Amino acid sequence: MGERRIIKTLEKQLDRMPNMPVEFGDDVSAYDLGNDQLAVLKTDMLVGATDVPKGMTLRQAARKAVVMNISDFAAKGVKPLALLTSLGLPRGLSKKDIEQIGEGLNAGARQYGTYIIGGDTGEASDLIISVLVFGMIQKSNIMLRSGARPGDIVAVTGPFGKTAAGLSILCKEKQKSRSKWRILVKSVLMPEARLRVGLALSKKRVVTASIDSSDGLAWSLHEIARASRVGFVVRKLPTAKEAREFAEENKLDPTELTLYGGEEYELVLAIKPRLWQEAKRAAARVNCTLIPIGRATAERQVVLNIEGRTSRISPKGYEHFKTS
């Protein structure tokens, strides 16, 4: 069983809370406080064996654990107010190791204007850093996965492919390549959440659907398509220049790096066409350039159409228990 089938199985065993404001399967969970206010919660964990590549320090790993969670808040347009963290620590870590973990947690929290206010610590056979984020938002401002409509413009907040290329370099431990492709390696070791642009777009109410792209561009498009009951035609691949150059040098497919790499932490958005210019202006005010890549369609399929050639975009992405 893969992660997604496990989640579906677990959901069937749970009593469903009446009037859930955010359905199972979105980036965050929420509780309706009334008066158009939602309390928003998110928890995600980083595990050493699956989430910490070779070459990543404990400080970077702890910071990444925070960024992973903040990115989901960014996708919903929610400001994080406070964080809790639970640590599963293997025996043998030194005081310096623990200090690095603490520094990384604090650096991630402070970068996005919030604080770690508590948590739990226990012994584990592998490094586990679980973070819970709390925030609040007006119910009418939250950007769910389920609102896209045919004709909406599909856009992303940045280019793709760098992390897939950077991870390839780290896994093969090629120091020469690591030095040459610093930008690609940095994208893996020091990811960034798109919180400022998520908050800006949420306030303008120009987005009909939004998702964080940590599982890859292809999977993100399929998730919005499923939740919104639409399809997508992608007419422009947002491939990073550095990823394209790396692919050419190493005889890799830049399309694969772009669609199926994962962990970019960009936002994938559906935007009302009549509000596209307003969305661009809102993003530009926080130094982000939205990249239009296609349109939502009534036909419930996700396809790539480049220069008249159409091919299916597979619903592939990272999945625990399946992906190595």
C-alpha atoms as a PDB file:
ATOM      1  CA  MET A   1       0.000   0.000   0.000  1.00  0.00           C
ATOM      2  CA  GLY A   2       1.255   3.471  -0.879  1.00  0.00           C
ATOM      3  CA  GLU A   3       0.875   6.536   1.306  1.00  0.00           C
ATOM      4  CA  ARG A   4      -2.273   7.760  -0.436  1.00  0.00           C
ATOM      5  CA  ARG A   5      -4.090   4.429  -0.176  1.00  0.00           C
ATOM      6  CA  ILE A   6      -3.100   4.212   3.501  1.00  0.00           C
ATOM      7  CA  ILE A   7      -4.581   7.678   4.099  1.00  0.00           C
ATOM      8  CA  LYS A   8      -7.849   6.726   2.370  1.00  0.00           C
ATOM      9  CA  THR A   9      -8.033   3.554   4.459  1.00  0.00           C
ATOM     10  CA  LEU A  10      -7.504   5.530   7.672  1.00  0.00           C
ATOM     11  CA  GLU A  11     -10.112   8.124   6.710  1.00  0.00           C
ATOM     12  CA  LYS A  12     -12.749   5.395   6.412  1.00  0.00           C
ATOM     13  CA  GLN A  13     -12.133   4.435  10.046  1.00  0.00           C
ATOM     14  CA  LEU A  14     -12.696   7.991  11.314  1.00  0.00           C
ATOM     15  CA  ASP A  15     -15.985   9.609  12.275  1.00  0.00           C
ATOM     16  CA  ARG A  16     -16.309  12.697  10.130  1.00  0.00           C
ATOM     17  CA  MET A  17     -16.640  15.975  12.017  1.00  0.00           C
ATOM     18  CA  PRO A  18     -19.885  17.741  10.982  1.00  0.00           C
ATOM     19  CA  ASN A  19     -19.511  20.760   8.694  1.00  0.00           C
ATOM     20  CA  MET A  20     -15.776  20.385   8.106  1.00  0.00           C
ATOM     21  CA  PRO A  21     -14.682  23.664   6.479  1.00  0.00           C
ATOM     22  CA  VAL A  22     -11.719  21.970   4.742  1.00  0.00           C
ATOM     23  CA  GLU A  23     -12.185  18.451   3.421  1.00  0.00           C
ATOM     24  CA  PHE A  24      -9.801  15.579   4.020  1.00  0.00           C
ATOM     25  CA  GLY A  25      -7.029  15.601   1.442  1.00  0.00           C
ATOM     26  CA  ASP A  26      -6.351  19.333   1.196  1.00  0.00           C
ATOM     27  CA  ASP A  27      -3.065  20.937   2.288  1.00  0.00           C
ATOM     28  CA  VAL A  28      -4.335  21.916   5.752  1.00  0.00           C
ATOM     29  CA  SER A  29      -7.125  21.173   8.218  1.00  0.00           C
ATOM     30  CA  ALA A  30      -9.421  23.713   9.860  1.00  0.00           C
ATOM     31  CA  TYR A  31     -11.997  24.331  12.558  1.00  0.00           C
ATOM     32  CA  ASP A  32     -14.829  26.829  12.055  1.00  0.00           C
ATOM     33  CA  LEU A  33     -14.793  29.396  14.869  1.00  0.00           C
ATOM     34  CA  GLY A  34     -17.827  31.246  13.541  1.00  0.00           C
ATOM     35  CA  ASN A  35     -18.013  34.864  12.372  1.00  0.00           C
ATOM     36  CA  ASP A  36     -16.199  33.916   9.130  1.00  0.00           C
ATOM     37  CA  GLN A  37     -13.090  32.836  11.067  1.00  0.00           C
ATOM     38  CA  LEU A  38     -11.201  29.560  10.679  1.00  0.00           C
ATOM     39  CA  ALA A  39      -8.548  28.126  12.961  1.00  0.00           C
ATOM     40  CA  VAL A  40      -6.123  26.411  10.573  1.00  0.00           C
ATOM     41  CA  LEU A  41      -3.829  23.521  11.469  1.00  0.00           C
ATOM     42  CA  LYS A  42      -1.117  21.640   9.616  1.00  0.00           C
ATOM     43  CA  THR A  43       1.264  18.899  10.678  1.00  0.00           C
ATOM     44  CA  ASP A  44       3.944  17.230   8.605  1.00  0.00           C
ATOM     45  CA  MET A  45       6.998  15.243   9.584  1.00  0.00           C
ATOM     46  CA  LEU A  46      10.517  14.979   8.263  1.00  0.00           C
ATOM     47  CA  VAL A  47      12.115  11.526   8.531  1.00  0.00           C
ATOM     48  CA  GLY A  48      15.849  11.049   8.166  1.00  0.00           C
ATOM     49  CA  ALA A  49      15.754   8.039   5.858  1.00  0.00           C
ATOM     50  CA  THR A  50      13.336   9.538   3.307  1.00  0.00           C
ATOM     51  CA  ASP A  51      13.612  13.319   3.633  1.00  0.00           C
ATOM     52  CA  VAL A  52      17.251  14.086   4.422  1.00  0.00           C
ATOM     53  CA  PRO A  53      19.587  13.606   1.429  1.00  0.00           C
ATOM     54  CA  LYS A  54      23.319  13.129   1.646  1.00  0.00           C
ATOM     55  CA  GLY A  55      25.055  16.437   2.255  1.00  0.00           C
ATOM     56  CA  MET A  56      22.207  18.024   4.246  1.00  0.00           C
ATOM     57  CA  THR A  57      23.205  19.157   7.741  1.00  0.00           C
ATOM     58  CA  LEU A  58      20.995  18.702  10.798  1.00  0.00           C
ATOM     59  CA  ARG A  59      20.439  22.460  10.854  1.00  0.00           C
ATOM     60  CA  GLN A  60      19.249  22.380   7.251  1.00  0.00           C
ATOM     61  CA  ALA A  61      17.063  19.341   7.927  1.00  0.00           C
ATOM     62  CA  ALA A  62      15.346  21.015  10.884  1.00  0.00           C
ATOM     63  CA  ARG A  63      14.790  24.180   8.894  1.00  0.00           C
ATOM     64  CA  LYS A  64      13.353  22.122   6.037  1.00  0.00           C
ATOM     65  CA  ALA A  65      10.871  20.519   8.452  1.00  0.00           C
ATOM     66  CA  VAL A  66       9.512  23.996   9.170  1.00  0.00           C
ATOM     67  CA  VAL A  67       9.498  25.061   5.501  1.00  0.00           C
ATOM     68  CA  MET A  68       7.530  21.934   4.533  1.00  0.00           C
ATOM     69  CA  ASN A  69       4.701  22.998   6.804  1.00  0.00           C
ATOM     70  CA  ILE A  70       4.854  26.726   6.089  1.00  0.00           C
ATOM     71  CA  SER A  71       4.588  25.935   2.362  1.00  0.00           C
ATOM     72  CA  ASP A  72       1.188  24.325   2.904  1.00  0.00           C
ATOM     73  CA  PHE A  73       0.025  27.436   4.761  1.00  0.00           C
ATOM     74  CA  ALA A  74       1.321  29.506   1.836  1.00  0.00           C
ATOM     75  CA  ALA A  75      -0.812  27.463  -0.551  1.00  0.00           C
ATOM     76  CA  LYS A  76      -3.918  28.282   1.482  1.00  0.00           C
ATOM     77  CA  GLY A  77      -3.028  31.942   2.040  1.00  0.00           C
ATOM     78  CA  VAL A  78      -2.815  31.524   5.818  1.00  0.00           C
ATOM     79  CA  LYS A  79      -0.356  33.376   8.059  1.00  0.00           C
ATOM     80  CA  PRO A  80       1.362  31.022  10.545  1.00  0.00           C
ATOM     81  CA  LEU A  81       1.001  32.271  14.116  1.00  0.00           C
ATOM     82  CA  ALA A  82       2.762  29.586  16.164  1.00  0.00           C
ATOM     83  CA  LEU A  83       4.518  26.221  15.803  1.00  0.00           C
ATOM     84  CA  LEU A  84       4.869  23.080  17.902  1.00  0.00           C
ATOM     85  CA  THR A  85       7.526  20.482  17.191  1.00  0.00           C
ATOM     86  CA  SER A  86       7.917  16.853  18.248  1.00  0.00           C
ATOM     87  CA  LEU A  87      11.358  15.301  17.929  1.00  0.00           C
ATOM     88  CA  GLY A  88      12.208  11.630  17.620  1.00  0.00           C
ATOM     89  CA  LEU A  89      15.959  11.441  18.191  1.00  0.00           C
ATOM     90  CA  PRO A  90      18.264   8.431  17.753  1.00  0.00           C
ATOM     91  CA  ARG A  91      20.785   7.673  20.474  1.00  0.00           C
ATOM     92  CA  GLY A  92      24.281   8.993  20.045  1.00  0.00           C
ATOM     93  CA  LEU A  93      23.542  12.545  18.958  1.00  0.00           C
ATOM     94  CA  SER A  94      25.963  15.051  20.451  1.00  0.00           C
ATOM     95  CA  LYS A  95      25.172  18.364  22.134  1.00  0.00           C
ATOM     96  CA  LYS A  96      26.327  20.092  18.951  1.00  0.00           C
ATOM     97  CA  ASP A  97      23.883  17.972  16.918  1.00  0.00           C
ATOM     98  CA  ILE A  98      21.002  19.010  19.174  1.00  0.00           C
ATOM     99  CA  GLU A  99      22.069  22.641  18.948  1.00  0.00           C
ATOM    100  CA  GLN A 100      22.023  22.396  15.148  1.00  0.00           C
ATOM    101  CA  ILE A 101      18.477  21.022  15.220  1.00  0.00           C
ATOM    102  CA  GLY A 102      17.365  23.834  17.513  1.00  0.00           C
ATOM    103  CA  GLU A 103      19.069  26.456  15.355  1.00  0.00           C
ATOM    104  CA  GLY A 104      17.392  25.105  12.228  1.00  0.00           C
ATOM    105  CA  LEU A 105      13.937  25.057  13.804  1.00  0.00           C
ATOM    106  CA  ASN A 106      14.344  28.622  15.042  1.00  0.00           C
ATOM    107  CA  ALA A 107      15.762  29.860  11.723  1.00  0.00           C
ATOM    108  CA  GLY A 108      12.803  28.444   9.805  1.00  0.00           C
ATOM    109  CA  ALA A 109      10.235  29.834  12.220  1.00  0.00           C
ATOM    110  CA  ARG A 110      11.765  33.305  12.400  1.00  0.00           C
ATOM    111  CA  GLN A 111      12.214  33.546   8.624  1.00  0.00           C
ATOM    112  CA  TYR A 112       8.439  33.314   8.255  1.00  0.00           C
ATOM    113  CA  GLY A 113       7.566  35.571  11.176  1.00  0.00           C
ATOM    114  CA  THR A 114       6.548  32.991  13.750  1.00  0.00           C
ATOM    115  CA  TYR A 115       7.911  31.079  16.746  1.00  0.00           C
ATOM    116  CA  ILE A 116       8.320  27.571  18.144  1.00  0.00           C
ATOM    117  CA  ILE A 117       6.285  27.659  21.384  1.00  0.00           C
ATOM    118  CA  GLY A 118       6.590  24.061  22.609  1.00  0.00           C
ATOM    119  CA  GLY A 119       6.512  20.385  21.672  1.00  0.00           C
ATOM    120  CA  ASP A 120       7.777  16.964  22.715  1.00  0.00           C
ATOM    121  CA  THR A 121      11.007  14.958  22.554  1.00  0.00           C
ATOM    122  CA  GLY A 122      11.487  11.187  22.561  1.00  0.00           C
ATOM    123  CA  GLU A 123      13.825   8.415  21.477  1.00  0.00           C
ATOM    124  CA  ALA A 124      13.496   6.926  17.991  1.00  0.00           C
ATOM    125  CA  SER A 125      15.451   4.635  15.686  1.00  0.00           C
ATOM    126  CA  ASP A 126      15.679   7.392  13.031  1.00  0.00           C
ATOM    127  CA  LEU A 127      15.596  11.175  13.055  1.00  0.00           C
ATOM    128  CA  ILE A 128      11.995  12.436  13.100  1.00  0.00           C
ATOM    129  CA  ILE A 129      11.089  16.121  13.177  1.00  0.00           C
ATOM    130  CA  SER A 130       7.340  16.689  13.242  1.00  0.00           C
ATOM    131  CA  VAL A 131       6.027  20.248  13.093  1.00  0.00           C
ATOM    132  CA  LEU A 132       2.498  21.495  13.756  1.00  0.00           C
ATOM    133  CA  VAL A 133       1.498  24.959  12.540  1.00  0.00           C
ATOM    134  CA  PHE A 134      -1.410  27.042  13.822  1.00  0.00           C
ATOM    135  CA  GLY A 135      -2.955  30.057  12.126  1.00  0.00           C
ATOM    136  CA  MET A 136      -6.232  31.870  11.479  1.00  0.00           C
ATOM    137  CA  ILE A 137      -7.922  33.213   8.360  1.00  0.00           C
ATOM    138  CA  GLN A 138     -11.228  34.578   7.157  1.00  0.00           C
ATOM    139  CA  LYS A 139     -13.227  31.667   5.789  1.00  0.00           C
ATOM    140  CA  SER A 140     -13.880  33.593   2.576  1.00  0.00           C
ATOM    141  CA  ASN A 141     -10.136  34.079   1.951  1.00  0.00           C
ATOM    142  CA  ILE A 142      -8.808  30.522   2.221  1.00  0.00           C
ATOM    143  CA  MET A 143      -7.572  29.063  -1.099  1.00  0.00           C
ATOM    144  CA  LEU A 144      -8.654  25.424  -1.358  1.00  0.00           C
ATOM    145  CA  ARG A 145      -7.868  22.834  -4.033  1.00  0.00           C
ATOM    146  CA  SER A 146     -11.492  22.487  -5.056  1.00  0.00           C
ATOM    147  CA  GLY A 147     -12.526  25.763  -6.720  1.00  0.00           C
ATOM    148  CA  ALA A 148     -10.979  25.656 -10.207  1.00  0.00           C
ATOM    149  CA  ARG A 149     -13.369  26.101 -13.134  1.00  0.00           C
ATOM    150  CA  PRO A 150     -12.988  25.549 -16.904  1.00  0.00           C
ATOM    151  CA  GLY A 151     -11.231  28.521 -18.471  1.00  0.00           C
ATOM    152  CA  ASP A 152      -9.217  29.423 -15.378  1.00  0.00           C
ATOM    153  CA  ILE A 153      -5.569  30.287 -16.003  1.00  0.00           C
ATOM    154  CA  VAL A 154      -3.104  27.804 -14.495  1.00  0.00           C
ATOM    155  CA  ALA A 155       0.008  29.503 -13.127  1.00  0.00           C
ATOM    156  CA  VAL A 156       3.003  28.729 -10.922  1.00  0.00           C
ATOM    157  CA  THR A 157       5.087  30.950  -8.690  1.00  0.00           C
ATOM    158  CA  GLY A 158       8.471  29.884 -10.053  1.00  0.00           C
ATOM    159  CA  PRO A 159      10.382  27.484 -12.309  1.00  0.00           C
ATOM    160  CA  PHE A 160      10.651  23.737 -11.789  1.00  0.00           C
ATOM    161  CA  GLY A 161      13.293  21.040 -12.166  1.00  0.00           C
ATOM    162  CA  LYS A 162      16.075  22.444  -9.991  1.00  0.00           C
ATOM    163  CA  THR A 163      15.445  20.204  -6.993  1.00  0.00           C
ATOM    164  CA  ALA A 164      15.327  17.015  -9.068  1.00  0.00           C
ATOM    165  CA  ALA A 165      18.663  17.939 -10.617  1.00  0.00           C
ATOM    166  CA  GLY A 166      20.133  19.004  -7.276  1.00  0.00           C
ATOM    167  CA  LEU A 167      19.055  15.782  -5.598  1.00  0.00           C
ATOM    168  CA  SER A 168      20.716  13.802  -8.383  1.00  0.00           C
ATOM    169  CA  ILE A 169      23.987  15.608  -7.661  1.00  0.00           C
ATOM    170  CA  LEU A 170      23.768  15.027  -3.905  1.00  0.00           C
ATOM    171  CA  CYS A 171      22.854  11.350  -4.219  1.00  0.00           C
ATOM    172  CA  LYS A 172      25.795  10.680  -6.537  1.00  0.00           C
ATOM    173  CA  GLU A 173      28.111  12.653  -4.220  1.00  0.00           C
ATOM    174  CA  LYS A 174      29.885  14.390  -7.086  1.00  0.00           C
ATOM    175  CA  GLN A 175      31.772  17.249  -5.430  1.00  0.00           C
ATOM    176  CA  LYS A 176      32.816  18.741  -8.759  1.00  0.00           C
ATOM    177  CA  SER A 177      29.212  18.846  -9.946  1.00  0.00           C
ATOM    178  CA  ARG A 178      28.104  20.177  -6.571  1.00  0.00           C
ATOM    179  CA  SER A 179      30.497  23.104  -6.914  1.00  0.00           C
ATOM    180  CA  LYS A 180      29.496  23.805 -10.515  1.00  0.00           C
ATOM    181  CA  TRP A 181      25.751  23.568  -9.918  1.00  0.00           C
ATOM    182  CA  ARG A 182      25.510  25.462  -6.607  1.00  0.00           C
ATOM    183  CA  ILE A 183      22.049  26.828  -7.425  1.00  0.00           C
ATOM    184  CA  LEU A 184      20.656  23.333  -7.993  1.00  0.00           C
ATOM    185  CA  VAL A 185      22.143  21.955  -4.781  1.00  0.00           C
ATOM    186  CA  LYS A 186      20.976  24.980  -2.768  1.00  0.00           C
ATOM    187  CA  SER A 187      17.399  24.415  -3.954  1.00  0.00           C
ATOM    188  CA  VAL A 188      17.478  21.064  -2.130  1.00  0.00           C
ATOM    189  CA  LEU A 189      19.389  22.073   0.983  1.00  0.00           C
ATOM    190  CA  MET A 190      17.727  25.470   1.528  1.00  0.00           C
ATOM    191  CA  PRO A 191      14.165  25.350   0.168  1.00  0.00           C
ATOM    192  CA  GLU A 192      11.923  28.404   0.387  1.00  0.00           C
ATOM    193  CA  ALA A 193       8.189  28.583   1.065  1.00  0.00           C
ATOM    194  CA  ARG A 194       6.136  31.021  -1.031  1.00  0.00           C
ATOM    195  CA  LEU A 195       4.350  32.512   1.967  1.00  0.00           C
ATOM    196  CA  ARG A 196       4.424  36.191   0.967  1.00  0.00           C
ATOM    197  CA  VAL A 197       2.815  35.623  -2.416  1.00  0.00           C
ATOM    198  CA  GLY A 198       0.296  33.162  -0.970  1.00  0.00           C
ATOM    199  CA  LEU A 199      -0.833  35.754   1.574  1.00  0.00           C
ATOM    200  CA  ALA A 200      -0.968  38.497  -1.066  1.00  0.00           C
ATOM    201  CA  LEU A 201      -3.118  36.456  -3.452  1.00  0.00           C
ATOM    202  CA  SER A 202      -5.420  35.284  -0.679  1.00  0.00           C
ATOM    203  CA  LYS A 203      -6.242  38.850   0.334  1.00  0.00           C
ATOM    204  CA  LYS A 204      -7.158  39.737  -3.264  1.00  0.00           C
ATOM    205  CA  ARG A 205      -9.416  36.658  -3.687  1.00  0.00           C
ATOM    206  CA  VAL A 206      -8.208  36.100  -7.245  1.00  0.00           C
ATOM    207  CA  VAL A 207      -7.333  32.403  -6.888  1.00  0.00           C
ATOM    208  CA  THR A 208      -9.913  29.651  -7.396  1.00  0.00           C
ATOM    209  CA  ALA A 209      -7.667  26.722  -6.433  1.00  0.00           C
ATOM    210  CA  SER A 210      -4.186  26.365  -4.960  1.00  0.00           C
ATOM    211  CA  ILE A 211      -1.763  23.650  -3.906  1.00  0.00           C
ATOM    212  CA  ASP A 212       1.830  23.390  -2.704  1.00  0.00           C
ATOM    213  CA  SER A 213       3.980  21.540  -5.251  1.00  0.00           C
ATOM    214  CA  SER A 214       6.124  19.484  -2.862  1.00  0.00           C
ATOM    215  CA  ASP A 215       4.977  16.217  -4.496  1.00  0.00           C
ATOM    216  CA  GLY A 216       5.791  17.473  -7.985  1.00  0.00           C
ATOM    217  CA  LEU A 217       4.110  19.605 -10.643  1.00  0.00           C
ATOM    218  CA  ALA A 218       2.351  16.685 -12.324  1.00  0.00           C
ATOM    219  CA  TRP A 219       0.871  15.344  -9.111  1.00  0.00           C
ATOM    220  CA  SER A 220      -0.176  18.843  -8.023  1.00  0.00           C
ATOM    221  CA  LEU A 221      -2.093  19.394 -11.268  1.00  0.00           C
ATOM    222  CA  HIS A 222      -3.848  16.053 -10.877  1.00  0.00           C
ATOM    223  CA  GLU A 223      -4.759  16.824  -7.260  1.00  0.00           C
ATOM    224  CA  ILE A 224      -6.414  20.131  -8.191  1.00  0.00           C
ATOM    225  CA  ALA A 225      -8.092  18.455 -11.162  1.00  0.00           C
ATOM    226  CA  ARG A 226      -9.519  15.718  -8.937  1.00  0.00           C
ATOM    227  CA  ALA A 227     -10.694  18.087  -6.193  1.00  0.00           C
ATOM    228  CA  SER A 228     -12.162  20.625  -8.645  1.00  0.00           C
ATOM    229  CA  ARG A 229     -13.511  18.082 -11.155  1.00  0.00           C
ATOM    230  CA  VAL A 230     -11.787  19.725 -14.087  1.00  0.00           C
ATOM    231  CA  GLY A 231      -8.896  18.952 -16.409  1.00  0.00           C
ATOM    232  CA  PHE A 232      -5.846  20.936 -17.468  1.00  0.00           C
ATOM    233  CA  VAL A 233      -4.049  21.645 -20.718  1.00  0.00           C
ATOM    234  CA  VAL A 234      -0.458  22.682 -20.075  1.00  0.00           C
ATOM    235  CA  ARG A 235       0.975  24.655 -23.004  1.00  0.00           C
ATOM    236  CA  LYS A 236       4.208  25.888 -21.423  1.00  0.00           C
ATOM    237  CA  LEU A 237       6.586  23.939 -19.206  1.00  0.00           C
ATOM    238  CA  PRO A 238       8.099  26.155 -16.477  1.00  0.00           C
ATOM    239  CA  THR A 239      11.552  24.550 -16.662  1.00  0.00           C
ATOM    240  CA  ALA A 240      14.322  26.360 -14.800  1.00  0.00           C
ATOM    241  CA  LYS A 241      17.215  27.444 -17.013  1.00  0.00           C
ATOM    242  CA  GLU A 242      19.729  25.677 -14.767  1.00  0.00           C
ATOM    243  CA  ALA A 243      17.701  22.455 -14.821  1.00  0.00           C
ATOM    244  CA  ARG A 244      17.559  22.524 -18.621  1.00  0.00           C
ATOM    245  CA  GLU A 245      21.322  23.048 -18.854  1.00  0.00           C
ATOM    246  CA  PHE A 246      21.947  20.235 -16.349  1.00  0.00           C
ATOM    247  CA  ALA A 247      19.670  17.908 -18.311  1.00  0.00           C
ATOM    248  CA  GLU A 248      21.451  18.644 -21.569  1.00  0.00           C
ATOM    249  CA  GLU A 249      24.884  18.054 -20.032  1.00  0.00           C
ATOM    250  CA  ASN A 250      23.820  14.781 -18.361  1.00  0.00           C
ATOM    251  CA  LYS A 251      21.555  13.433 -21.133  1.00  0.00           C
ATOM    252  CA  LEU A 252      18.418  13.709 -19.005  1.00  0.00           C
ATOM    253  CA  ASP A 253      14.883  14.634 -20.039  1.00  0.00           C
ATOM    254  CA  PRO A 254      14.093  18.200 -18.851  1.00  0.00           C
ATOM    255  CA  THR A 255      10.363  17.424 -19.108  1.00  0.00           C
ATOM    256  CA  GLU A 256      10.768  14.624 -16.558  1.00  0.00           C
ATOM    257  CA  LEU A 257      12.713  16.891 -14.216  1.00  0.00           C
ATOM    258  CA  THR A 258      10.053  19.583 -14.507  1.00  0.00           C
ATOM    259  CA  LEU A 259       6.934  17.467 -14.103  1.00  0.00           C
ATOM    260  CA  TYR A 260       7.973  14.705 -11.751  1.00  0.00           C
ATOM    261  CA  GLY A 261      10.835  16.035  -9.602  1.00  0.00           C
ATOM    262  CA  GLY A 262       9.044  17.333  -6.518  1.00  0.00           C
ATOM    263  CA  GLU A 263      10.008  19.428  -3.472  1.00  0.00           C
ATOM    264  CA  GLU A 264      10.099  22.748  -5.311  1.00  0.00           C
ATOM    265  CA  TYR A 265       7.654  24.248  -2.769  1.00  0.00           C
ATOM    266  CA  GLU A 266       6.236  26.517  -5.453  1.00  0.00           C
ATOM    267  CA  LEU A 267       2.497  27.188  -5.581  1.00  0.00           C
ATOM    268  CA  VAL A 268       0.350  25.805  -8.386  1.00  0.00           C
ATOM    269  CA  LEU A 269      -2.654  28.077  -8.894  1.00  0.00           C
ATOM    270  CA  ALA A 270      -5.881  28.368 -10.838  1.00  0.00           C
ATOM    271  CA  ILE A 271      -6.813  32.017 -11.359  1.00  0.00           C
ATOM    272  CA  LYS A 272      -9.940  33.695 -12.684  1.00  0.00           C
ATOM    273  CA  PRO A 273      -9.132  35.046 -16.181  1.00  0.00           C
ATOM    274  CA  ARG A 274     -10.771  38.420 -15.547  1.00  0.00           C
ATOM    275  CA  LEU A 275      -8.599  38.834 -12.436  1.00  0.00           C
ATOM    276  CA  TRP A 276      -5.317  37.691 -14.001  1.00  0.00           C
ATOM    277  CA  GLN A 277      -3.820  41.181 -14.228  1.00  0.00           C
ATOM    278  CA  GLU A 278      -4.756  41.916 -10.627  1.00  0.00           C
ATOM    279  CA  ALA A 279      -3.158  38.625  -9.552  1.00  0.00           C
ATOM    280  CA  LYS A 280       0.047  39.497 -11.412  1.00  0.00           C
ATOM    281  CA  ARG A 281       0.182  42.903  -9.768  1.00  0.00           C
ATOM    282  CA  ALA A 282      -0.396  41.434  -6.299  1.00  0.00           C
ATOM    283  CA  ALA A 283       2.423  38.916  -6.855  1.00  0.00           C
ATOM    284  CA  ALA A 284       4.762  41.558  -8.261  1.00  0.00           C
ATOM    285  CA  ARG A 285       4.339  43.681  -5.122  1.00  0.00           C
ATOM    286  CA  VAL A 286       6.010  40.861  -3.149  1.00  0.00           C
ATOM    287  CA  ASN A 287       8.700  40.289  -5.822  1.00  0.00           C
ATOM    288  CA  CYS A 288       7.106  37.221  -7.411  1.00  0.00           C
ATOM    289  CA  THR A 289       6.422  36.760 -11.120  1.00  0.00           C
ATOM    290  CA  LEU A 290       3.508  34.426 -11.865  1.00  0.00           C
ATOM    291  CA  ILE A 291       4.208  32.080 -14.780  1.00  0.00           C
ATOM    292  CA  PRO A 292       1.090  31.095 -16.789  1.00  0.00           C
ATOM    293  CA  ILE A 293       1.381  27.502 -18.021  1.00  0.00           C
ATOM    294  CA  GLY A 294      -2.083  26.583 -19.310  1.00  0.00           C
ATOM    295  CA  ARG A 295      -5.828  26.498 -18.748  1.00  0.00           C
ATOM    296  CA  ALA A 296      -8.413  24.490 -16.872  1.00  0.00           C
ATOM    297  CA  THR A 297     -10.799  22.513 -19.086  1.00  0.00           C
ATOM    298  CA  ALA A 298     -14.143  20.768 -18.778  1.00  0.00           C
ATOM    299  CA  GLU A 299     -12.545  17.548 -20.068  1.00  0.00           C
ATOM    300  CA  ARG A 300     -11.268  15.795 -16.978  1.00  0.00           C
ATOM    301  CA  GLN A 301      -7.797  14.926 -18.188  1.00  0.00           C
ATOM    302  CA  VAL A 302      -4.386  16.503 -17.606  1.00  0.00           C
ATOM    303  CA  VAL A 303      -2.391  16.848 -20.809  1.00  0.00           C
ATOM    304  CA  LEU A 304       0.668  18.570 -22.194  1.00  0.00           C
ATOM    305  CA  ASN A 305       0.197  20.358 -25.514  1.00  0.00           C
ATOM    306  CA  ILE A 306       3.413  21.821 -26.885  1.00  0.00           C
ATOM    307  CA  GLU A 307       3.481  23.065 -30.491  1.00  0.00           C
ATOM    308  CA  GLY A 308       0.390  21.064 -31.375  1.00  0.00           C
ATOM    309  CA  ARG A 309       1.663  17.764 -29.951  1.00  0.00           C
ATOM    310  CA  THR A 310      -0.495  16.409 -27.140  1.00  0.00           C
ATOM    311  CA  SER A 311       0.610  13.867 -24.543  1.00  0.00           C
ATOM    312  CA  ARG A 312      -0.810  12.708 -21.235  1.00  0.00           C
ATOM    313  CA  ILE A 313       0.708  13.971 -17.991  1.00  0.00           C
ATOM    314  CA  SER A 314       0.840  10.978 -15.680  1.00  0.00           C
ATOM    315  CA  PRO A 315      -0.329  11.327 -12.053  1.00  0.00           C
ATOM    316  CA  LYS A 316       3.154  10.575 -10.747  1.00  0.00           C
ATOM    317  CA  GLY A 317       4.951  12.092  -7.790  1.00  0.00           C
ATOM    318  CA  TYR A 318       6.766  11.160  -4.611  1.00  0.00           C
ATOM    319  CA  GLU A 319       4.808   8.675  -2.500  1.00  0.00           C
ATOM    320  CA  HIS A 320       5.987   7.106   0.744  1.00  0.00           C
ATOM    321  CA  PHE A 321       6.103   3.284   0.722  1.00  0.00           C
ATOM    322  CA  LYS A 322       6.375   3.312  -3.098  1.00  0.00           C
ATOM    323  CA  THR A 323       9.038   5.780  -4.192  1.00  0.00           C
ATOM    324  CA  SER A 324      12.694   5.085  -3.468  1.00  0.00           C
END
